[in-house]
Amino acid sequence: MVLLSLLPIGLMQTWASVKHGMWYARSATFMSRDIVSTFVWMRIIGDTIFALGGLALAWFIIGLKTGWSLTKERVE
């Protein structure tokens, strides 16, 4: 997520802010450029990996709370 989306857009905004001013770097005109839209959509890859990790953590915690294990033996 950071390498595919946030860092490139941040660097482009930094360059635009130095060259044209912060008002342009934060404007809808800048954010609606094709390359920025591409980087925003690339963020889905990182978001999906993060969500899968969150689901795996939730599954693990539910398993700890219910006593479930892969051996199907309940530990008291």
N, C-alpha and C. Protein backbone atom coordinates (compact mmCIF):
# COMPACT_ATOMS: atom_id res chain seq x y z
N MET A 1 0.84 -1.18 0.00
CA MET A 1 0.00 0.00 0.00
C MET A 1 0.88 1.24 0.00
N VAL A 2 1.92 1.23 0.81
CA VAL A 2 2.80 2.39 0.88
C VAL A 2 3.62 2.54 -0.39
N LEU A 3 4.20 1.43 -0.86
CA LEU A 3 5.08 1.51 -2.02
C LEU A 3 4.32 1.67 -3.34
N LEU A 4 3.11 1.13 -3.42
CA LEU A 4 2.37 1.18 -4.67
C LEU A 4 1.48 2.41 -4.81
N SER A 5 1.14 3.06 -3.68
CA SER A 5 0.18 4.15 -3.78
C SER A 5 0.60 5.40 -3.02
N LEU A 6 0.78 5.27 -1.73
CA LEU A 6 0.98 6.46 -0.89
C LEU A 6 2.29 7.19 -1.19
N LEU A 7 3.38 6.46 -1.34
CA LEU A 7 4.68 7.09 -1.61
C LEU A 7 4.73 7.79 -2.97
N PRO A 8 4.31 7.13 -4.05
CA PRO A 8 4.36 7.82 -5.35
C PRO A 8 3.46 9.06 -5.40
N ILE A 9 2.26 8.96 -4.87
CA ILE A 9 1.36 10.12 -4.88
C ILE A 9 1.91 11.23 -3.99
N GLY A 10 2.46 10.86 -2.86
CA GLY A 10 3.06 11.85 -1.96
C GLY A 10 4.23 12.57 -2.60
N LEU A 11 5.07 11.82 -3.30
CA LEU A 11 6.21 12.45 -3.99
C LEU A 11 5.73 13.36 -5.11
N MET A 12 4.70 12.94 -5.84
CA MET A 12 4.16 13.79 -6.91
C MET A 12 3.54 15.06 -6.33
N GLN A 13 2.85 14.93 -5.19
CA GLN A 13 2.27 16.10 -4.55
C GLN A 13 3.36 17.03 -4.02
N THR A 14 4.43 16.47 -3.49
CA THR A 14 5.54 17.29 -3.01
C THR A 14 6.13 18.10 -4.16
N TRP A 15 6.38 17.44 -5.27
CA TRP A 15 6.96 18.12 -6.43
C TRP A 15 6.02 19.20 -6.95
N ALA A 16 4.72 18.88 -7.03
CA ALA A 16 3.73 19.86 -7.50
C ALA A 16 3.62 21.03 -6.53
N SER A 17 3.75 20.77 -5.25
CA SER A 17 3.68 21.83 -4.24
C SER A 17 4.87 22.77 -4.35
N VAL A 18 6.05 22.23 -4.59
CA VAL A 18 7.24 23.06 -4.74
C VAL A 18 7.17 23.88 -6.03
N LYS A 19 6.69 23.25 -7.08
CA LYS A 19 6.68 23.91 -8.39
C LYS A 19 5.52 24.90 -8.56
N HIS A 20 4.31 24.50 -8.13
CA HIS A 20 3.12 25.32 -8.39
C HIS A 20 2.46 25.88 -7.13
N GLY A 21 2.75 25.32 -5.99
CA GLY A 21 2.12 25.75 -4.74
C GLY A 21 1.25 24.66 -4.16
N MET A 22 1.03 24.75 -2.85
CA MET A 22 0.27 23.71 -2.17
C MET A 22 -1.19 23.68 -2.64
N TRP A 23 -1.72 24.80 -3.02
CA TRP A 23 -3.11 24.86 -3.48
C TRP A 23 -3.32 23.95 -4.68
N TYR A 24 -2.33 23.87 -5.57
CA TYR A 24 -2.45 23.02 -6.76
C TYR A 24 -2.28 21.54 -6.39
N ALA A 25 -1.33 21.25 -5.50
CA ALA A 25 -1.06 19.86 -5.12
C ALA A 25 -2.24 19.22 -4.41
N ARG A 26 -3.08 20.01 -3.76
CA ARG A 26 -4.24 19.50 -3.05
C ARG A 26 -5.54 19.67 -3.83
N SER A 27 -5.46 20.19 -5.04
CA SER A 27 -6.67 20.51 -5.81
C SER A 27 -7.25 19.27 -6.48
N ALA A 28 -8.50 19.40 -6.87
CA ALA A 28 -9.18 18.31 -7.60
C ALA A 28 -8.56 18.11 -8.97
N THR A 29 -8.02 19.16 -9.54
CA THR A 29 -7.36 19.05 -10.85
C THR A 29 -6.17 18.09 -10.78
N PHE A 30 -5.35 18.25 -9.76
CA PHE A 30 -4.19 17.38 -9.60
C PHE A 30 -4.61 15.95 -9.27
N MET A 31 -5.56 15.80 -8.36
CA MET A 31 -5.97 14.47 -7.90
C MET A 31 -6.76 13.70 -8.96
N SER A 32 -7.27 14.38 -9.97
CA SER A 32 -8.04 13.67 -11.00
C SER A 32 -7.21 13.32 -12.23
N ARG A 33 -5.90 13.53 -12.16
CA ARG A 33 -5.03 13.14 -13.27
C ARG A 33 -5.03 11.62 -13.41
N ASP A 34 -4.79 11.15 -14.63
CA ASP A 34 -4.84 9.71 -14.90
C ASP A 34 -3.83 8.92 -14.08
N ILE A 35 -2.61 9.42 -13.95
CA ILE A 35 -1.58 8.69 -13.21
C ILE A 35 -1.93 8.59 -11.73
N VAL A 36 -2.52 9.64 -11.16
CA VAL A 36 -2.93 9.60 -9.76
C VAL A 36 -4.06 8.59 -9.58
N SER A 37 -5.01 8.56 -10.49
CA SER A 37 -6.10 7.58 -10.42
C SER A 37 -5.56 6.15 -10.50
N THR A 38 -4.56 5.94 -11.33
CA THR A 38 -3.94 4.62 -11.42
C THR A 38 -3.31 4.22 -10.10
N PHE A 39 -2.58 5.12 -9.48
CA PHE A 39 -1.95 4.81 -8.19
C PHE A 39 -3.00 4.59 -7.10
N VAL A 40 -4.10 5.32 -7.15
CA VAL A 40 -5.17 5.11 -6.16
C VAL A 40 -5.76 3.71 -6.32
N TRP A 41 -5.98 3.27 -7.55
CA TRP A 41 -6.52 1.93 -7.76
C TRP A 41 -5.51 0.84 -7.42
N MET A 42 -4.22 1.13 -7.53
CA MET A 42 -3.19 0.15 -7.15
C MET A 42 -3.17 -0.09 -5.64
N ARG A 43 -3.75 0.83 -4.89
CA ARG A 43 -3.80 0.68 -3.43
C ARG A 43 -4.66 -0.52 -3.03
N ILE A 44 -5.55 -0.96 -3.93
CA ILE A 44 -6.41 -2.10 -3.64
C ILE A 44 -5.59 -3.35 -3.31
N ILE A 45 -4.45 -3.50 -3.95
CA ILE A 45 -3.59 -4.67 -3.70
C ILE A 45 -3.17 -4.70 -2.24
N GLY A 46 -2.64 -3.60 -1.75
CA GLY A 46 -2.21 -3.54 -0.35
C GLY A 46 -3.37 -3.63 0.62
N ASP A 47 -4.49 -3.00 0.30
CA ASP A 47 -5.67 -3.07 1.17
C ASP A 47 -6.20 -4.49 1.29
N THR A 48 -6.16 -5.24 0.18
CA THR A 48 -6.64 -6.62 0.20
C THR A 48 -5.74 -7.49 1.07
N ILE A 49 -4.44 -7.32 0.95
CA ILE A 49 -3.50 -8.09 1.78
C ILE A 49 -3.70 -7.75 3.26
N PHE A 50 -3.90 -6.47 3.56
CA PHE A 50 -4.14 -6.04 4.94
C PHE A 50 -5.43 -6.64 5.48
N ALA A 51 -6.49 -6.64 4.67
CA ALA A 51 -7.77 -7.20 5.10
C ALA A 51 -7.67 -8.70 5.35
N LEU A 52 -6.95 -9.41 4.49
CA LEU A 52 -6.76 -10.85 4.69
C LEU A 52 -6.00 -11.13 5.98
N GLY A 53 -5.01 -10.31 6.28
CA GLY A 53 -4.29 -10.45 7.54
C GLY A 53 -5.19 -10.20 8.74
N GLY A 54 -6.08 -9.21 8.63
CA GLY A 54 -7.03 -8.94 9.71
C GLY A 54 -8.00 -10.09 9.91
N LEU A 55 -8.47 -10.68 8.82
CA LEU A 55 -9.36 -11.84 8.93
C LEU A 55 -8.64 -13.04 9.53
N ALA A 56 -7.38 -13.25 9.15
CA ALA A 56 -6.61 -14.35 9.72
C ALA A 56 -6.40 -14.14 11.23
N LEU A 57 -6.14 -12.91 11.64
CA LEU A 57 -5.99 -12.61 13.06
C LEU A 57 -7.29 -12.85 13.81
N ALA A 58 -8.42 -12.42 13.24
CA ALA A 58 -9.72 -12.64 13.87
C ALA A 58 -10.01 -14.13 14.01
N TRP A 59 -9.71 -14.90 12.96
CA TRP A 59 -9.90 -16.36 12.99
C TRP A 59 -9.05 -16.98 14.10
N PHE A 60 -7.82 -16.53 14.24
CA PHE A 60 -6.92 -17.04 15.27
C PHE A 60 -7.45 -16.72 16.67
N ILE A 61 -7.92 -15.49 16.88
CA ILE A 61 -8.44 -15.09 18.18
C ILE A 61 -9.70 -15.87 18.53
N ILE A 62 -10.58 -16.06 17.55
CA ILE A 62 -11.79 -16.86 17.79
C ILE A 62 -11.40 -18.29 18.16
N GLY A 63 -10.39 -18.82 17.49
CA GLY A 63 -9.90 -20.15 17.82
C GLY A 63 -9.35 -20.23 19.23
N LEU A 64 -8.66 -19.19 19.68
CA LEU A 64 -8.15 -19.17 21.05
C LEU A 64 -9.28 -19.09 22.07
N LYS A 65 -10.27 -18.27 21.79
CA LYS A 65 -11.38 -18.08 22.73
C LYS A 65 -12.26 -19.32 22.84
N THR A 66 -12.45 -20.04 21.74
CA THR A 66 -13.33 -21.21 21.77
C THR A 66 -12.60 -22.51 22.07
N GLY A 67 -11.29 -22.49 22.12
CA GLY A 67 -10.52 -23.70 22.40
C GLY A 67 -10.34 -24.59 21.19
N TRP A 68 -10.71 -24.10 20.01
CA TRP A 68 -10.58 -24.88 18.78
C TRP A 68 -9.12 -25.00 18.41
N SER A 69 -8.73 -26.17 17.92
CA SER A 69 -7.36 -26.34 17.42
C SER A 69 -7.39 -27.27 16.21
N LEU A 70 -6.31 -27.38 15.55
CA LEU A 70 -6.24 -28.22 14.37
C LEU A 70 -6.30 -29.70 14.69
N THR A 71 -6.02 -30.09 15.94
CA THR A 71 -6.06 -31.49 16.32
C THR A 71 -7.46 -31.92 16.75
N LYS A 72 -8.39 -30.98 16.79
CA LYS A 72 -9.77 -31.24 17.17
C LYS A 72 -9.91 -31.73 18.60
N GLU A 73 -8.89 -31.50 19.43
CA GLU A 73 -8.96 -31.85 20.84
C GLU A 73 -9.16 -30.56 21.63
N ARG A 74 -10.14 -30.58 22.51
CA ARG A 74 -10.43 -29.39 23.32
C ARG A 74 -9.54 -29.41 24.55
N VAL A 75 -8.82 -28.33 24.77
CA VAL A 75 -7.94 -28.21 25.92
C VAL A 75 -8.67 -27.45 27.00
N GLU A 76 -8.77 -28.03 28.16
CA GLU A 76 -9.47 -27.39 29.28
C GLU A 76 -8.58 -26.44 30.03
